[in-house]
Amino acid sequence: MYRQMIFVNLVTADVPAARKFFTELGYEINPQFCTDENACVVISDTIVAMLMTREH
């Protein structure tokens, strides 16, 4: 069965603070796709949010 993936890009001025916010809500961070300028938040099996700086 085909499962459509949804990727949402969210711009933030402070990636570490946004990362902390989402982890405190209970979401997991996928470190494989994280750098100092972005973070990958796993919302569900098919939804991923990328937190990134405006410059990135």
PDB file of N, CA and C in Angstrom:
ATOM      1  N   MET A   1       0.839  -1.185   0.000  1.00  0.00           N
ATOM      2  CA  MET A   1       0.000   0.000   0.000  1.00  0.00           C
ATOM      3  C   MET A   1       0.883   1.247   0.000  1.00  0.00           C
ATOM      4  N   TYR A   2       0.515   2.217  -0.785  1.00  0.00           N
ATOM      5  CA  TYR A   2       1.254   3.479  -0.895  1.00  0.00           C
ATOM      6  C   TYR A   2       0.910   4.383   0.281  1.00  0.00           C
ATOM      7  N   ARG A   3       1.955   4.905   0.938  1.00  0.00           N
ATOM      8  CA  ARG A   3       1.751   5.852   2.037  1.00  0.00           C
ATOM      9  C   ARG A   3       2.391   7.172   1.639  1.00  0.00           C
ATOM     10  N   GLN A   4       1.589   8.182   1.493  1.00  0.00           N
ATOM     11  CA  GLN A   4       2.091   9.491   1.111  1.00  0.00           C
ATOM     12  C   GLN A   4       2.769  10.149   2.301  1.00  0.00           C
ATOM     13  N   MET A   5       3.967  10.683   2.068  1.00  0.00           N
ATOM     14  CA  MET A   5       4.707  11.405   3.092  1.00  0.00           C
ATOM     15  C   MET A   5       4.406  12.895   2.980  1.00  0.00           C
ATOM     16  N   ILE A   6       4.335  13.566   4.108  1.00  0.00           N
ATOM     17  CA  ILE A   6       4.123  15.005   4.149  1.00  0.00           C
ATOM     18  C   ILE A   6       5.319  15.636   4.854  1.00  0.00           C
ATOM     19  N   PHE A   7       5.950  16.588   4.184  1.00  0.00           N
ATOM     20  CA  PHE A   7       7.087  17.311   4.741  1.00  0.00           C
ATOM     21  C   PHE A   7       6.707  18.780   4.871  1.00  0.00           C
ATOM     22  N   VAL A   8       6.836  19.315   6.074  1.00  0.00           N
ATOM     23  CA  VAL A   8       6.489  20.708   6.339  1.00  0.00           C
ATOM     24  C   VAL A   8       7.767  21.436   6.737  1.00  0.00           C
ATOM     25  N   ASN A   9       8.055  22.552   6.073  1.00  0.00           N
ATOM     26  CA  ASN A   9       9.212  23.371   6.413  1.00  0.00           C
ATOM     27  C   ASN A   9       8.745  24.552   7.257  1.00  0.00           C
ATOM     28  N   LEU A  10       9.344  24.703   8.434  1.00  0.00           N
ATOM     29  CA  LEU A  10       8.998  25.797   9.335  1.00  0.00           C
ATOM     30  C   LEU A  10      10.239  26.639   9.616  1.00  0.00           C
ATOM     31  N   VAL A  11      10.126  27.932   9.380  1.00  0.00           N
ATOM     32  CA  VAL A  11      11.242  28.851   9.617  1.00  0.00           C
ATOM     33  C   VAL A  11      11.195  29.341  11.061  1.00  0.00           C
ATOM     34  N   THR A  12      12.360  29.367  11.695  1.00  0.00           N
ATOM     35  CA  THR A  12      12.459  29.845  13.071  1.00  0.00           C
ATOM     36  C   THR A  12      13.740  30.667  13.239  1.00  0.00           C
ATOM     37  N   ALA A  13      13.704  31.628  14.126  1.00  0.00           N
ATOM     38  CA  ALA A  13      14.894  32.430  14.404  1.00  0.00           C
ATOM     39  C   ALA A  13      15.841  31.706  15.355  1.00  0.00           C
ATOM     40  N   ASP A  14      15.320  30.720  16.097  1.00  0.00           N
ATOM     41  CA  ASP A  14      16.114  30.024  17.104  1.00  0.00           C
ATOM     42  C   ASP A  14      15.841  28.519  17.017  1.00  0.00           C
ATOM     43  N   VAL A  15      16.663  27.804  16.254  1.00  0.00           N
ATOM     44  CA  VAL A  15      16.459  26.368  16.055  1.00  0.00           C
ATOM     45  C   VAL A  15      16.557  25.587  17.367  1.00  0.00           C
ATOM     46  N   PRO A  16      17.557  25.832  18.224  1.00  0.00           N
ATOM     47  CA  PRO A  16      17.607  25.075  19.486  1.00  0.00           C
ATOM     48  C   PRO A  16      16.361  25.264  20.355  1.00  0.00           C
ATOM     49  N   ALA A  17      15.824  26.476  20.409  1.00  0.00           N
ATOM     50  CA  ALA A  17      14.623  26.724  21.216  1.00  0.00           C
ATOM     51  C   ALA A  17      13.412  26.018  20.601  1.00  0.00           C
ATOM     52  N   ALA A  18      13.295  26.043  19.289  1.00  0.00           N
ATOM     53  CA  ALA A  18      12.184  25.362  18.618  1.00  0.00           C
ATOM     54  C   ALA A  18      12.301  23.853  18.782  1.00  0.00           C
ATOM     55  N   ARG A  19      13.516  23.351  18.695  1.00  0.00           N
ATOM     56  CA  ARG A  19      13.760  21.920  18.899  1.00  0.00           C
ATOM     57  C   ARG A  19      13.347  21.509  20.311  1.00  0.00           C
ATOM     58  N   LYS A  20      13.716  22.305  21.300  1.00  0.00           N
ATOM     59  CA  LYS A  20      13.344  22.035  22.692  1.00  0.00           C
ATOM     60  C   LYS A  20      11.824  22.066  22.859  1.00  0.00           C
ATOM     61  N   PHE A  21      11.171  23.034  22.235  1.00  0.00           N
ATOM     62  CA  PHE A  21       9.720  23.157  22.305  1.00  0.00           C
ATOM     63  C   PHE A  21       9.036  21.884  21.811  1.00  0.00           C
ATOM     64  N   PHE A  22       9.439  21.396  20.638  1.00  0.00           N
ATOM     65  CA  PHE A  22       8.796  20.211  20.069  1.00  0.00           C
ATOM     66  C   PHE A  22       9.115  18.947  20.860  1.00  0.00           C
ATOM     67  N   THR A  23      10.329  18.826  21.392  1.00  0.00           N
ATOM     68  CA  THR A  23      10.644  17.635  22.197  1.00  0.00           C
ATOM     69  C   THR A  23       9.865  17.655  23.515  1.00  0.00           C
ATOM     70  N   GLU A  24       9.644  18.837  24.081  1.00  0.00           N
ATOM     71  CA  GLU A  24       8.848  18.922  25.308  1.00  0.00           C
ATOM     72  C   GLU A  24       7.379  18.608  25.065  1.00  0.00           C
ATOM     73  N   LEU A  25       6.931  18.770  23.818  1.00  0.00           N
ATOM     74  CA  LEU A  25       5.566  18.359  23.466  1.00  0.00           C
ATOM     75  C   LEU A  25       5.474  16.853  23.255  1.00  0.00           C
ATOM     76  N   GLY A  26       6.627  16.176  23.214  1.00  0.00           N
ATOM     77  CA  GLY A  26       6.630  14.730  23.079  1.00  0.00           C
ATOM     78  C   GLY A  26       7.050  14.206  21.719  1.00  0.00           C
ATOM     79  N   TYR A  27       7.425  15.093  20.807  1.00  0.00           N
ATOM     80  CA  TYR A  27       7.854  14.653  19.478  1.00  0.00           C
ATOM     81  C   TYR A  27       9.325  14.265  19.498  1.00  0.00           C
ATOM     82  N   GLU A  28       9.686  13.355  18.589  1.00  0.00           N
ATOM     83  CA  GLU A  28      11.073  12.906  18.486  1.00  0.00           C
ATOM     84  C   GLU A  28      11.815  13.715  17.433  1.00  0.00           C
ATOM     85  N   ILE A  29      13.111  13.857  17.633  1.00  0.00           N
ATOM     86  CA  ILE A  29      13.992  14.514  16.671  1.00  0.00           C
ATOM     87  C   ILE A  29      14.782  13.415  15.960  1.00  0.00           C
ATOM     88  N   ASN A  30      14.842  13.477  14.639  1.00  0.00           N
ATOM     89  CA  ASN A  30      15.636  12.517  13.869  1.00  0.00           C
ATOM     90  C   ASN A  30      17.009  13.142  13.644  1.00  0.00           C
ATOM     91  N   PRO A  31      18.028  12.716  14.394  1.00  0.00           N
ATOM     92  CA  PRO A  31      19.347  13.348  14.307  1.00  0.00           C
ATOM     93  C   PRO A  31      20.043  13.147  12.969  1.00  0.00           C
ATOM     94  N   GLN A  32      19.588  12.173  12.190  1.00  0.00           N
ATOM     95  CA  GLN A  32      20.195  11.904  10.887  1.00  0.00           C
ATOM     96  C   GLN A  32      20.059  13.109   9.950  1.00  0.00           C
ATOM     97  N   PHE A  33      19.010  13.908  10.131  1.00  0.00           N
ATOM     98  CA  PHE A  33      18.760  15.038   9.249  1.00  0.00           C
ATOM     99  C   PHE A  33      18.894  16.381   9.968  1.00  0.00           C
ATOM    100  N   CYS A  34      19.650  16.427  11.059  1.00  0.00           N
ATOM    101  CA  CYS A  34      19.814  17.660  11.830  1.00  0.00           C
ATOM    102  C   CYS A  34      21.216  18.242  11.660  1.00  0.00           C
ATOM    103  N   THR A  35      21.275  19.572  11.646  1.00  0.00           N
ATOM    104  CA  THR A  35      22.536  20.308  11.662  1.00  0.00           C
ATOM    105  C   THR A  35      22.363  21.451  12.656  1.00  0.00           C
ATOM    106  N   ASP A  36      23.321  22.371  12.674  1.00  0.00           N
ATOM    107  CA  ASP A  36      23.169  23.553  13.526  1.00  0.00           C
ATOM    108  C   ASP A  36      22.096  24.489  12.992  1.00  0.00           C
ATOM    109  N   GLU A  37      21.784  24.382  11.699  1.00  0.00           N
ATOM    110  CA  GLU A  37      20.830  25.290  11.066  1.00  0.00           C
ATOM    111  C   GLU A  37      19.448  24.690  10.875  1.00  0.00           C
ATOM    112  N   ASN A  38      19.258  23.399  11.190  1.00  0.00           N
ATOM    113  CA  ASN A  38      17.938  22.806  11.044  1.00  0.00           C
ATOM    114  C   ASN A  38      17.763  21.624  11.996  1.00  0.00           C
ATOM    115  N   ALA A  39      16.511  21.206  12.135  1.00  0.00           N
ATOM    116  CA  ALA A  39      16.182  20.039  12.952  1.00  0.00           C
ATOM    117  C   ALA A  39      15.002  19.335  12.305  1.00  0.00           C
ATOM    118  N   CYS A  40      15.019  18.028  12.370  1.00  0.00           N
ATOM    119  CA  CYS A  40      13.975  17.197  11.777  1.00  0.00           C
ATOM    120  C   CYS A  40      13.086  16.654  12.887  1.00  0.00           C
ATOM    121  N   VAL A  41      11.827  17.100  12.913  1.00  0.00           N
ATOM    122  CA  VAL A  41      10.883  16.684  13.942  1.00  0.00           C
ATOM    123  C   VAL A  41       9.944  15.639  13.347  1.00  0.00           C
ATOM    124  N   VAL A  42       9.887  14.468  13.969  1.00  0.00           N
ATOM    125  CA  VAL A  42       9.012  13.398  13.501  1.00  0.00           C
ATOM    126  C   VAL A  42       7.660  13.560  14.186  1.00  0.00           C
ATOM    127  N   ILE A  43       6.653  13.943  13.391  1.00  0.00           N
ATOM    128  CA  ILE A  43       5.307  14.143  13.913  1.00  0.00           C
ATOM    129  C   ILE A  43       4.553  12.808  13.948  1.00  0.00           C
ATOM    130  N   SER A  44       4.692  12.030  12.871  1.00  0.00           N
ATOM    131  CA  SER A  44       4.090  10.697  12.792  1.00  0.00           C
ATOM    132  C   SER A  44       4.893   9.874  11.792  1.00  0.00           C
ATOM    133  N   ASP A  45       4.414   8.675  11.476  1.00  0.00           N
ATOM    134  CA  ASP A  45       5.108   7.833  10.503  1.00  0.00           C
ATOM    135  C   ASP A  45       5.149   8.464   9.120  1.00  0.00           C
ATOM    136  N   THR A  46       4.216   9.351   8.839  1.00  0.00           N
ATOM    137  CA  THR A  46       4.127   9.945   7.497  1.00  0.00           C
ATOM    138  C   THR A  46       4.258  11.464   7.479  1.00  0.00           C
ATOM    139  N   ILE A  47       4.471  12.091   8.631  1.00  0.00           N
ATOM    140  CA  ILE A  47       4.581  13.554   8.689  1.00  0.00           C
ATOM    141  C   ILE A  47       5.880  13.942   9.387  1.00  0.00           C
ATOM    142  N   VAL A  48       6.653  14.797   8.719  1.00  0.00           N
ATOM    143  CA  VAL A  48       7.926  15.279   9.244  1.00  0.00           C
ATOM    144  C   VAL A  48       7.957  16.797   9.097  1.00  0.00           C
ATOM    145  N   ALA A  49       8.393  17.481  10.139  1.00  0.00           N
ATOM    146  CA  ALA A  49       8.551  18.935  10.086  1.00  0.00           C
ATOM    147  C   ALA A  49      10.045  19.258  10.140  1.00  0.00           C
ATOM    148  N   MET A  50      10.496  20.101   9.234  1.00  0.00           N
ATOM    149  CA  MET A  50      11.865  20.561   9.238  1.00  0.00           C
ATOM    150  C   MET A  50      11.885  21.967   9.791  1.00  0.00           C
ATOM    151  N   LEU A  51      12.570  22.143  10.916  1.00  0.00           N
ATOM    152  CA  LEU A  51      12.757  23.463  11.508  1.00  0.00           C
ATOM    153  C   LEU A  51      14.045  24.013  10.958  1.00  0.00           C
ATOM    154  N   MET A  52      14.012  25.226  10.406  1.00  0.00           N
ATOM    155  CA  MET A  52      15.227  25.774   9.805  1.00  0.00           C
ATOM    156  C   MET A  52      15.298  27.286   9.945  1.00  0.00           C
ATOM    157  N   THR A  53      16.518  27.792   9.849  1.00  0.00           N
ATOM    158  CA  THR A  53      16.721  29.239   9.884  1.00  0.00           C
ATOM    159  C   THR A  53      16.318  29.831   8.537  1.00  0.00           C
ATOM    160  N   ARG A  54      16.027  31.101   8.528  1.00  0.00           N
ATOM    161  CA  ARG A  54      15.638  31.773   7.281  1.00  0.00           C
ATOM    162  C   ARG A  54      16.769  31.694   6.260  1.00  0.00           C
ATOM    163  N   GLU A  55      18.002  31.820   6.719  1.00  0.00           N
ATOM    164  CA  GLU A  55      19.139  31.783   5.817  1.00  0.00           C
ATOM    165  C   GLU A  55      19.300  30.417   5.158  1.00  0.00           C
ATOM    166  N   HIS A  56      18.945  29.386   5.874  1.00  0.00           N
ATOM    167  CA  HIS A  56      19.099  28.030   5.345  1.00  0.00           C
ATOM    168  C   HIS A  56      18.032  27.776   4.302  1.00  0.00           C
TER     169      HIS A  56
END
